[in-house]
Amino acid sequence: MIDPSGDARRSSIAALDDRLERLAGYMERVRLAEYLELLQDTRRLVFVNFVSGLARGVGMAIGFSILGAIVIYVLTQTFVANLPVVGGFLAEIVRIVQTYLSR
């Protein structure tokens, strides 16, 4: 006589084994063991965070420099093209300053 509960038990064990294999594959893909090792080694964790912060800071400085240079270049070209407008604006500012200083 065939035990029906034995077949059900084998299929549930096979399903559980399949889930464990998928979970182990997932953990290998996300490198969970390496991350846990990093969390245990405080000096290495501080060093890695320091280097990544340094890289971010240098990247931001370079990016801001390039962006600032582009903005200054565009504004310079715009003001050179519209020099009469800018000249009138600057003359008005000079007149206001001279009036304020003469008081």
N, C-alpha and C. Protein backbone atom coordinates (compact mmCIF):
# COMPACT_ATOMS: atom_id res chain seq x y z
N MET A 1 0.83 -1.16 0.00
CA MET A 1 0.00 0.00 0.00
C MET A 1 0.89 1.25 0.00
N ILE A 2 0.51 2.26 -0.79
CA ILE A 2 1.27 3.50 -0.92
C ILE A 2 0.77 4.50 0.10
N ASP A 3 1.70 5.09 0.78
CA ASP A 3 1.36 6.07 1.82
C ASP A 3 1.19 7.44 1.16
N PRO A 4 -0.04 8.01 1.09
CA PRO A 4 -0.25 9.31 0.45
C PRO A 4 0.43 10.44 1.20
N SER A 5 0.56 10.32 2.50
CA SER A 5 1.20 11.39 3.25
C SER A 5 2.70 11.44 2.96
N GLY A 6 3.31 10.32 2.56
CA GLY A 6 4.72 10.29 2.21
C GLY A 6 4.98 11.06 0.94
N ASP A 7 4.08 10.95 -0.06
CA ASP A 7 4.23 11.71 -1.30
C ASP A 7 4.09 13.21 -1.05
N ALA A 8 3.14 13.56 -0.22
CA ALA A 8 2.94 14.98 0.10
C ALA A 8 4.14 15.54 0.84
N ARG A 9 4.69 14.72 1.73
CA ARG A 9 5.86 15.16 2.49
C ARG A 9 7.05 15.36 1.56
N ARG A 10 7.24 14.44 0.62
CA ARG A 10 8.37 14.56 -0.32
C ARG A 10 8.22 15.80 -1.21
N SER A 11 7.00 16.07 -1.65
CA SER A 11 6.81 17.24 -2.51
C SER A 11 7.01 18.54 -1.73
N SER A 12 6.58 18.56 -0.46
CA SER A 12 6.79 19.77 0.33
C SER A 12 8.27 19.95 0.66
N ILE A 13 8.98 18.84 0.87
CA ILE A 13 10.43 18.93 1.10
C ILE A 13 11.13 19.41 -0.17
N ALA A 14 10.69 18.93 -1.32
CA ALA A 14 11.28 19.37 -2.59
C ALA A 14 11.02 20.86 -2.82
N ALA A 15 9.80 21.32 -2.50
CA ALA A 15 9.47 22.74 -2.65
C ALA A 15 10.31 23.59 -1.70
N LEU A 16 10.50 23.11 -0.48
CA LEU A 16 11.31 23.83 0.50
C LEU A 16 12.77 23.88 0.06
N ASP A 17 13.25 22.75 -0.47
CA ASP A 17 14.63 22.70 -0.97
C ASP A 17 14.81 23.68 -2.13
N ASP A 18 13.83 23.78 -3.01
CA ASP A 18 13.88 24.71 -4.14
C ASP A 18 13.91 26.16 -3.64
N ARG A 19 13.10 26.46 -2.65
CA ARG A 19 13.09 27.81 -2.08
C ARG A 19 14.42 28.16 -1.43
N LEU A 20 15.00 27.19 -0.72
CA LEU A 20 16.29 27.44 -0.07
C LEU A 20 17.38 27.67 -1.11
N GLU A 21 17.36 26.95 -2.20
CA GLU A 21 18.34 27.15 -3.27
C GLU A 21 18.20 28.54 -3.89
N ARG A 22 16.96 28.96 -4.12
CA ARG A 22 16.74 30.30 -4.67
C ARG A 22 17.19 31.38 -3.70
N LEU A 23 16.92 31.16 -2.40
CA LEU A 23 17.34 32.12 -1.38
C LEU A 23 18.87 32.19 -1.29
N ALA A 24 19.52 31.04 -1.36
CA ALA A 24 20.99 31.02 -1.33
C ALA A 24 21.56 31.73 -2.56
N GLY A 25 20.95 31.53 -3.72
CA GLY A 25 21.40 32.23 -4.93
C GLY A 25 21.22 33.73 -4.80
N TYR A 26 20.10 34.13 -4.24
CA TYR A 26 19.84 35.56 -4.03
C TYR A 26 20.87 36.16 -3.08
N MET A 27 21.18 35.46 -2.00
CA MET A 27 22.14 35.97 -1.03
C MET A 27 23.53 36.07 -1.64
N GLU A 28 23.87 35.17 -2.53
CA GLU A 28 25.16 35.26 -3.21
C GLU A 28 25.18 36.46 -4.16
N ARG A 29 24.07 36.72 -4.83
CA ARG A 29 24.02 37.85 -5.76
C ARG A 29 24.15 39.18 -5.03
N VAL A 30 23.56 39.31 -3.88
CA VAL A 30 23.64 40.58 -3.16
C VAL A 30 24.86 40.67 -2.27
N ARG A 31 25.67 39.64 -2.24
CA ARG A 31 26.92 39.60 -1.48
C ARG A 31 26.68 39.92 -0.01
N LEU A 32 25.70 39.26 0.55
CA LEU A 32 25.33 39.49 1.94
C LEU A 32 26.47 39.12 2.88
N ALA A 33 27.18 38.04 2.60
CA ALA A 33 28.27 37.62 3.48
C ALA A 33 29.38 38.66 3.50
N GLU A 34 29.72 39.21 2.34
CA GLU A 34 30.76 40.24 2.30
C GLU A 34 30.33 41.49 3.05
N TYR A 35 29.06 41.85 2.94
CA TYR A 35 28.56 43.02 3.64
C TYR A 35 28.62 42.81 5.15
N LEU A 36 28.25 41.62 5.60
CA LEU A 36 28.31 41.34 7.04
C LEU A 36 29.75 41.35 7.54
N GLU A 37 30.68 40.85 6.74
CA GLU A 37 32.09 40.92 7.12
C GLU A 37 32.55 42.37 7.23
N LEU A 38 32.10 43.21 6.30
CA LEU A 38 32.46 44.63 6.34
C LEU A 38 31.91 45.29 7.60
N LEU A 39 30.70 44.94 7.98
CA LEU A 39 30.13 45.53 9.19
C LEU A 39 30.88 45.10 10.45
N GLN A 40 31.47 43.91 10.44
CA GLN A 40 32.21 43.42 11.60
C GLN A 40 33.58 44.08 11.73
N ASP A 41 34.20 44.47 10.61
CA ASP A 41 35.53 45.08 10.62
C ASP A 41 35.38 46.60 10.63
N THR A 42 35.44 47.19 11.81
CA THR A 42 35.17 48.62 11.98
C THR A 42 36.19 49.49 11.25
N ARG A 43 37.46 49.12 11.32
CA ARG A 43 38.48 49.93 10.65
C ARG A 43 38.26 49.95 9.15
N ARG A 44 37.98 48.81 8.58
CA ARG A 44 37.75 48.75 7.13
C ARG A 44 36.49 49.54 6.75
N LEU A 45 35.45 49.44 7.57
CA LEU A 45 34.21 50.17 7.31
C LEU A 45 34.46 51.68 7.33
N VAL A 46 35.22 52.15 8.31
CA VAL A 46 35.54 53.59 8.39
C VAL A 46 36.36 54.00 7.18
N PHE A 47 37.34 53.18 6.79
CA PHE A 47 38.19 53.49 5.64
C PHE A 47 37.37 53.56 4.36
N VAL A 48 36.48 52.58 4.16
CA VAL A 48 35.66 52.55 2.94
C VAL A 48 34.74 53.76 2.90
N ASN A 49 34.14 54.11 4.03
CA ASN A 49 33.27 55.29 4.07
C ASN A 49 34.05 56.58 3.86
N PHE A 50 35.28 56.65 4.39
CA PHE A 50 36.11 57.84 4.20
C PHE A 50 36.46 58.01 2.73
N VAL A 51 36.89 56.93 2.10
CA VAL A 51 37.28 57.01 0.69
C VAL A 51 36.07 57.35 -0.19
N SER A 52 34.92 56.75 0.10
CA SER A 52 33.74 57.07 -0.71
C SER A 52 33.30 58.52 -0.50
N GLY A 53 33.40 59.04 0.72
CA GLY A 53 33.08 60.44 0.97
C GLY A 53 34.06 61.38 0.28
N LEU A 54 35.32 61.00 0.29
CA LEU A 54 36.34 61.79 -0.41
C LEU A 54 36.06 61.83 -1.90
N ALA A 55 35.71 60.68 -2.47
CA ALA A 55 35.40 60.63 -3.90
C ALA A 55 34.17 61.47 -4.23
N ARG A 56 33.16 61.41 -3.37
CA ARG A 56 31.96 62.23 -3.61
C ARG A 56 32.31 63.71 -3.55
N GLY A 57 33.12 64.10 -2.57
CA GLY A 57 33.50 65.51 -2.44
C GLY A 57 34.28 66.01 -3.64
N VAL A 58 35.23 65.21 -4.10
CA VAL A 58 36.02 65.61 -5.27
C VAL A 58 35.11 65.67 -6.50
N GLY A 59 34.22 64.71 -6.64
CA GLY A 59 33.29 64.73 -7.77
C GLY A 59 32.38 65.94 -7.76
N MET A 60 31.90 66.30 -6.58
CA MET A 60 31.05 67.50 -6.49
C MET A 60 31.84 68.76 -6.83
N ALA A 61 33.08 68.84 -6.34
CA ALA A 61 33.90 70.02 -6.61
C ALA A 61 34.18 70.16 -8.10
N ILE A 62 34.52 69.06 -8.74
CA ILE A 62 34.78 69.10 -10.19
C ILE A 62 33.51 69.44 -10.95
N GLY A 63 32.41 68.82 -10.57
CA GLY A 63 31.14 69.10 -11.24
C GLY A 63 30.71 70.55 -11.08
N PHE A 64 30.85 71.07 -9.85
CA PHE A 64 30.48 72.47 -9.62
C PHE A 64 31.39 73.41 -10.40
N SER A 65 32.67 73.08 -10.48
CA SER A 65 33.60 73.93 -11.24
C SER A 65 33.22 73.97 -12.72
N ILE A 66 32.92 72.81 -13.27
CA ILE A 66 32.53 72.76 -14.69
C ILE A 66 31.22 73.49 -14.91
N LEU A 67 30.24 73.25 -14.04
CA LEU A 67 28.95 73.93 -14.18
C LEU A 67 29.10 75.44 -14.01
N GLY A 68 29.90 75.86 -13.03
CA GLY A 68 30.13 77.29 -12.83
C GLY A 68 30.81 77.93 -14.03
N ALA A 69 31.79 77.23 -14.61
CA ALA A 69 32.48 77.76 -15.78
C ALA A 69 31.52 77.91 -16.96
N ILE A 70 30.63 76.95 -17.13
CA ILE A 70 29.66 77.02 -18.22
C ILE A 70 28.70 78.19 -18.00
N VAL A 71 28.23 78.36 -16.77
CA VAL A 71 27.31 79.47 -16.46
C VAL A 71 28.01 80.81 -16.68
N ILE A 72 29.23 80.93 -16.21
CA ILE A 72 29.97 82.19 -16.40
C ILE A 72 30.19 82.46 -17.88
N TYR A 73 30.53 81.44 -18.64
CA TYR A 73 30.74 81.60 -20.08
C TYR A 73 29.46 82.06 -20.77
N VAL A 74 28.35 81.43 -20.44
CA VAL A 74 27.07 81.80 -21.07
C VAL A 74 26.69 83.22 -20.69
N LEU A 75 26.84 83.58 -19.41
CA LEU A 75 26.50 84.95 -18.99
C LEU A 75 27.41 85.98 -19.64
N THR A 76 28.70 85.65 -19.78
CA THR A 76 29.62 86.57 -20.43
C THR A 76 29.24 86.79 -21.88
N GLN A 77 28.93 85.71 -22.58
CA GLN A 77 28.54 85.84 -23.98
C GLN A 77 27.22 86.61 -24.12
N THR A 78 26.32 86.41 -23.19
CA THR A 78 25.04 87.12 -23.23
C THR A 78 25.25 88.62 -22.99
N PHE A 79 26.09 88.98 -22.02
CA PHE A 79 26.33 90.39 -21.73
C PHE A 79 27.12 91.06 -22.84
N VAL A 80 28.03 90.36 -23.48
CA VAL A 80 28.78 90.94 -24.59
C VAL A 80 27.83 91.22 -25.76
N ALA A 81 26.88 90.33 -25.99
CA ALA A 81 25.92 90.51 -27.08
C ALA A 81 24.97 91.67 -26.78
N ASN A 82 24.65 91.90 -25.51
CA ASN A 82 23.70 92.95 -25.12
C ASN A 82 24.41 94.07 -24.37
N LEU A 83 25.56 94.49 -24.85
CA LEU A 83 26.36 95.49 -24.15
C LEU A 83 25.64 96.83 -23.97
N PRO A 84 24.89 97.33 -24.95
CA PRO A 84 24.19 98.61 -24.71
C PRO A 84 23.20 98.52 -23.55
N VAL A 85 22.52 97.42 -23.42
CA VAL A 85 21.55 97.26 -22.33
C VAL A 85 22.29 97.21 -21.00
N VAL A 86 23.37 96.44 -20.96
CA VAL A 86 24.15 96.31 -19.72
C VAL A 86 24.83 97.63 -19.40
N GLY A 87 25.31 98.33 -20.41
CA GLY A 87 25.96 99.62 -20.19
C GLY A 87 25.00 100.61 -19.55
N GLY A 88 23.78 100.66 -20.04
CA GLY A 88 22.77 101.55 -19.45
C GLY A 88 22.46 101.18 -18.02
N PHE A 89 22.38 99.91 -17.75
CA PHE A 89 22.11 99.42 -16.40
C PHE A 89 23.25 99.79 -15.45
N LEU A 90 24.50 99.59 -15.93
CA LEU A 90 25.65 99.94 -15.10
C LEU A 90 25.75 101.45 -14.88
N ALA A 91 25.42 102.24 -15.89
CA ALA A 91 25.44 103.70 -15.75
C ALA A 91 24.43 104.15 -14.70
N GLU A 92 23.27 103.50 -14.66
CA GLU A 92 22.25 103.84 -13.66
C GLU A 92 22.75 103.50 -12.25
N ILE A 93 23.42 102.38 -12.11
CA ILE A 93 23.97 101.99 -10.80
C ILE A 93 25.04 102.99 -10.36
N VAL A 94 25.92 103.40 -11.28
CA VAL A 94 26.97 104.38 -10.95
C VAL A 94 26.33 105.70 -10.54
N ARG A 95 25.29 106.13 -11.24
CA ARG A 95 24.61 107.38 -10.89
C ARG A 95 24.01 107.30 -9.49
N ILE A 96 23.40 106.19 -9.15
CA ILE A 96 22.79 106.02 -7.82
C ILE A 96 23.87 106.05 -6.74
N VAL A 97 24.99 105.38 -6.98
CA VAL A 97 26.07 105.37 -6.00
C VAL A 97 26.67 106.76 -5.83
N GLN A 98 26.85 107.51 -6.93
CA GLN A 98 27.40 108.86 -6.82
C GLN A 98 26.45 109.79 -6.08
N THR A 99 25.16 109.63 -6.32
CA THR A 99 24.18 110.45 -5.60
C THR A 99 24.22 110.14 -4.11
N TYR A 100 24.35 108.88 -3.76
CA TYR A 100 24.40 108.47 -2.36
C TYR A 100 25.66 108.99 -1.69
N LEU A 101 26.80 108.96 -2.40
CA LEU A 101 28.07 109.42 -1.84
C LEU A 101 28.14 110.94 -1.71
N SER A 102 27.44 111.66 -2.57
CA SER A 102 27.48 113.13 -2.51
C SER A 102 26.68 113.67 -1.34
N ARG A 103 25.82 112.89 -0.74
CA ARG A 103 25.02 113.36 0.40
C ARG A 103 25.81 113.44 1.61
